[in-house]
């Protein structure tokens, strides 16, 4: 596998499909793995309402569906679902898909 021209080191060409770019996420427990081994869990740091039953339908819909769509570095949570099954924190550039940092949830360094 080789680094694709013009891409960050976290992207490599697939040996099975030349010119296909894979995004790698470094699991703190298993090492770098293809993004297909992970399940996206959403933006990091969004707290679930303490009493969801007390929310109106509109408030619940806002919690479930309204999210910022930042351009640039963004903290997310991912589950290594095809590996150790642990949740990890990922700081990813949403513009380039470069994975900037990974850590245990709540342990990403300050931006």
C-alpha atoms as a PDB file:
ATOM      1  CA  UNK A   1       0.000   0.000   0.000  1.00  0.00           C
ATOM      2  CA  UNK A   2       1.274   3.438  -0.809  1.00  0.00           C
ATOM      3  CA  UNK A   3       0.347   6.946   0.177  1.00  0.00           C
ATOM      4  CA  UNK A   4      -1.766   8.535  -2.538  1.00  0.00           C
ATOM      5  CA  UNK A   5      -0.302  11.629  -4.159  1.00  0.00           C
ATOM      6  CA  UNK A   6      -1.682  14.845  -2.712  1.00  0.00           C
ATOM      7  CA  UNK A   7      -3.338  13.121   0.256  1.00  0.00           C
ATOM      8  CA  UNK A   8      -2.551  13.191   3.950  1.00  0.00           C
ATOM      9  CA  UNK A   9      -0.618  10.275   5.499  1.00  0.00           C
ATOM     10  CA  UNK A  10      -3.919   8.947   6.910  1.00  0.00           C
ATOM     11  CA  UNK A  11      -5.099   8.078   3.400  1.00  0.00           C
ATOM     12  CA  UNK A  12      -3.641   5.214   1.386  1.00  0.00           C
ATOM     13  CA  UNK A  13      -4.374   3.681  -1.989  1.00  0.00           C
ATOM     14  CA  UNK A  14      -6.167   0.371  -1.893  1.00  0.00           C
ATOM     15  CA  UNK A  15      -3.960  -2.379  -3.379  1.00  0.00           C
ATOM     16  CA  UNK A  16      -7.096  -4.147  -4.653  1.00  0.00           C
ATOM     17  CA  UNK A  17      -8.521  -1.049  -6.316  1.00  0.00           C
ATOM     18  CA  UNK A  18      -5.842   1.402  -7.475  1.00  0.00           C
ATOM     19  CA  UNK A  19      -6.858   5.055  -7.142  1.00  0.00           C
ATOM     20  CA  UNK A  20      -9.375   4.158  -4.419  1.00  0.00           C
ATOM     21  CA  UNK A  21      -8.535   6.056  -1.263  1.00  0.00           C
ATOM     22  CA  UNK A  22      -9.108   4.546   2.182  1.00  0.00           C
ATOM     23  CA  UNK A  23      -9.415   6.614   5.339  1.00  0.00           C
ATOM     24  CA  UNK A  24      -7.458   5.147   8.252  1.00  0.00           C
ATOM     25  CA  UNK A  25      -8.423   5.646  11.887  1.00  0.00           C
ATOM     26  CA  UNK A  26      -5.871   4.760  14.552  1.00  0.00           C
ATOM     27  CA  UNK A  27      -7.572   2.795  17.306  1.00  0.00           C
ATOM     28  CA  UNK A  28      -5.742   3.377  20.629  1.00  0.00           C
ATOM     29  CA  UNK A  29      -6.084  -0.378  21.277  1.00  0.00           C
ATOM     30  CA  UNK A  30      -5.648  -2.017  17.832  1.00  0.00           C
ATOM     31  CA  UNK A  31      -3.614   0.440  15.755  1.00  0.00           C
ATOM     32  CA  UNK A  32      -4.483   1.972  12.371  1.00  0.00           C
ATOM     33  CA  UNK A  33      -7.447   0.351  10.644  1.00  0.00           C
ATOM     34  CA  UNK A  34      -9.622   1.093   7.613  1.00  0.00           C
ATOM     35  CA  UNK A  35     -12.645   3.292   8.301  1.00  0.00           C
ATOM     36  CA  UNK A  36     -14.890   0.395   7.194  1.00  0.00           C
ATOM     37  CA  UNK A  37     -14.119  -1.272  10.551  1.00  0.00           C
ATOM     38  CA  UNK A  38     -15.773   1.613  12.414  1.00  0.00           C
ATOM     39  CA  UNK A  39     -19.283   2.904  13.029  1.00  0.00           C
ATOM     40  CA  UNK A  40     -19.763   6.667  13.266  1.00  0.00           C
ATOM     41  CA  UNK A  41     -21.342   7.652  16.564  1.00  0.00           C
ATOM     42  CA  UNK A  42     -21.805  11.380  16.005  1.00  0.00           C
ATOM     43  CA  UNK A  43     -20.337  14.577  17.314  1.00  0.00           C
ATOM     44  CA  UNK A  44     -18.443  14.258  20.588  1.00  0.00           C
ATOM     45  CA  UNK A  45     -19.575  16.170  23.631  1.00  0.00           C
ATOM     46  CA  UNK A  46     -23.316  16.196  22.973  1.00  0.00           C
ATOM     47  CA  UNK A  47     -25.052  15.207  26.199  1.00  0.00           C
ATOM     48  CA  UNK A  48     -28.278  13.206  26.048  1.00  0.00           C
ATOM     49  CA  UNK A  49     -31.138  15.023  27.817  1.00  0.00           C
ATOM     50  CA  UNK A  50     -31.476  13.853  31.439  1.00  0.00           C
ATOM     51  CA  UNK A  51     -35.239  13.430  31.140  1.00  0.00           C
ATOM     52  CA  UNK A  52     -36.061  12.791  27.472  1.00  0.00           C
ATOM     53  CA  UNK A  53     -39.702  11.992  28.281  1.00  0.00           C
ATOM     54  CA  UNK A  54     -40.183  15.567  29.492  1.00  0.00           C
ATOM     55  CA  UNK A  55     -39.172  17.057  26.122  1.00  0.00           C
ATOM     56  CA  UNK A  56     -41.689  18.175  23.552  1.00  0.00           C
ATOM     57  CA  UNK A  57     -41.573  16.512  20.139  1.00  0.00           C
ATOM     58  CA  UNK A  58     -39.947  19.651  18.769  1.00  0.00           C
ATOM     59  CA  UNK A  59     -37.256  19.665  21.483  1.00  0.00           C
ATOM     60  CA  UNK A  60     -36.565  15.955  20.927  1.00  0.00           C
ATOM     61  CA  UNK A  61     -36.332  16.450  17.160  1.00  0.00           C
ATOM     62  CA  UNK A  62     -33.895  19.321  17.731  1.00  0.00           C
ATOM     63  CA  UNK A  63     -31.716  17.072  19.935  1.00  0.00           C
ATOM     64  CA  UNK A  64     -31.784  14.154  17.482  1.00  0.00           C
ATOM     65  CA  UNK A  65     -31.473  15.973  14.144  1.00  0.00           C
ATOM     66  CA  UNK A  66     -30.045  19.481  14.534  1.00  0.00           C
ATOM     67  CA  UNK A  67     -26.276  19.356  14.525  1.00  0.00           C
ATOM     68  CA  UNK A  68     -23.559  21.777  13.568  1.00  0.00           C
ATOM     69  CA  UNK A  69     -21.850  20.934  10.314  1.00  0.00           C
ATOM     70  CA  UNK A  70     -18.421  22.441  10.925  1.00  0.00           C
ATOM     71  CA  UNK A  71     -15.799  22.928   8.273  1.00  0.00           C
ATOM     72  CA  UNK A  72     -12.377  21.907   9.533  1.00  0.00           C
ATOM     73  CA  UNK A  73     -11.326  20.100  12.725  1.00  0.00           C
ATOM     74  CA  UNK A  74     -14.227  18.449  14.524  1.00  0.00           C
ATOM     75  CA  UNK A  75     -14.378  16.024  17.468  1.00  0.00           C
ATOM     76  CA  UNK A  76     -16.426  12.868  16.889  1.00  0.00           C
ATOM     77  CA  UNK A  77     -17.021   9.492  18.491  1.00  0.00           C
ATOM     78  CA  UNK A  78     -16.615   6.236  16.581  1.00  0.00           C
ATOM     79  CA  UNK A  79     -17.009   2.611  17.619  1.00  0.00           C
ATOM     80  CA  UNK A  80     -14.419   0.102  16.420  1.00  0.00           C
ATOM     81  CA  UNK A  81     -17.284  -2.253  15.607  1.00  0.00           C
ATOM     82  CA  UNK A  82     -15.263  -4.765  13.552  1.00  0.00           C
ATOM     83  CA  UNK A  83     -12.349  -4.762  15.985  1.00  0.00           C
ATOM     84  CA  UNK A  84     -12.171  -4.303  19.750  1.00  0.00           C
ATOM     85  CA  UNK A  85     -15.740  -2.834  19.811  1.00  0.00           C
ATOM     86  CA  UNK A  86     -14.607   0.070  22.000  1.00  0.00           C
ATOM     87  CA  UNK A  87     -15.694   3.664  21.520  1.00  0.00           C
ATOM     88  CA  UNK A  88     -12.946   6.137  20.644  1.00  0.00           C
ATOM     89  CA  UNK A  89     -12.730   9.890  20.213  1.00  0.00           C
ATOM     90  CA  UNK A  90     -11.573  11.088  16.803  1.00  0.00           C
ATOM     91  CA  UNK A  91     -10.581  14.598  15.767  1.00  0.00           C
ATOM     92  CA  UNK A  92     -11.128  14.768  12.019  1.00  0.00           C
ATOM     93  CA  UNK A  93     -10.898  17.557   9.492  1.00  0.00           C
ATOM     94  CA  UNK A  94     -14.333  17.491   7.853  1.00  0.00           C
ATOM     95  CA  UNK A  95     -12.998  19.268   4.774  1.00  0.00           C
ATOM     96  CA  UNK A  96     -10.105  16.902   3.984  1.00  0.00           C
ATOM     97  CA  UNK A  97     -11.139  13.835   6.070  1.00  0.00           C
ATOM     98  CA  UNK A  98      -7.665  13.835   7.625  1.00  0.00           C
ATOM     99  CA  UNK A  99      -7.699  12.111  11.006  1.00  0.00           C
ATOM    100  CA  UNK A 100      -5.805  14.527  13.250  1.00  0.00           C
ATOM    101  CA  UNK A 101      -5.905  12.627  16.559  1.00  0.00           C
ATOM    102  CA  UNK A 102      -7.546   9.672  18.274  1.00  0.00           C
ATOM    103  CA  UNK A 103      -7.872   8.843  21.968  1.00  0.00           C
ATOM    104  CA  UNK A 104     -10.089   7.340  24.619  1.00  0.00           C
ATOM    105  CA  UNK A 105     -13.396   9.266  24.816  1.00  0.00           C
ATOM    106  CA  UNK A 106     -12.877  12.539  26.673  1.00  0.00           C
ATOM    107  CA  UNK A 107      -9.087  12.429  26.274  1.00  0.00           C
ATOM    108  CA  UNK A 108      -8.449  14.288  23.019  1.00  0.00           C
ATOM    109  CA  UNK A 109      -5.887  17.066  23.494  1.00  0.00           C
ATOM    110  CA  UNK A 110      -7.227  20.633  23.367  1.00  0.00           C
ATOM    111  CA  UNK A 111      -7.474  22.130  19.879  1.00  0.00           C
END
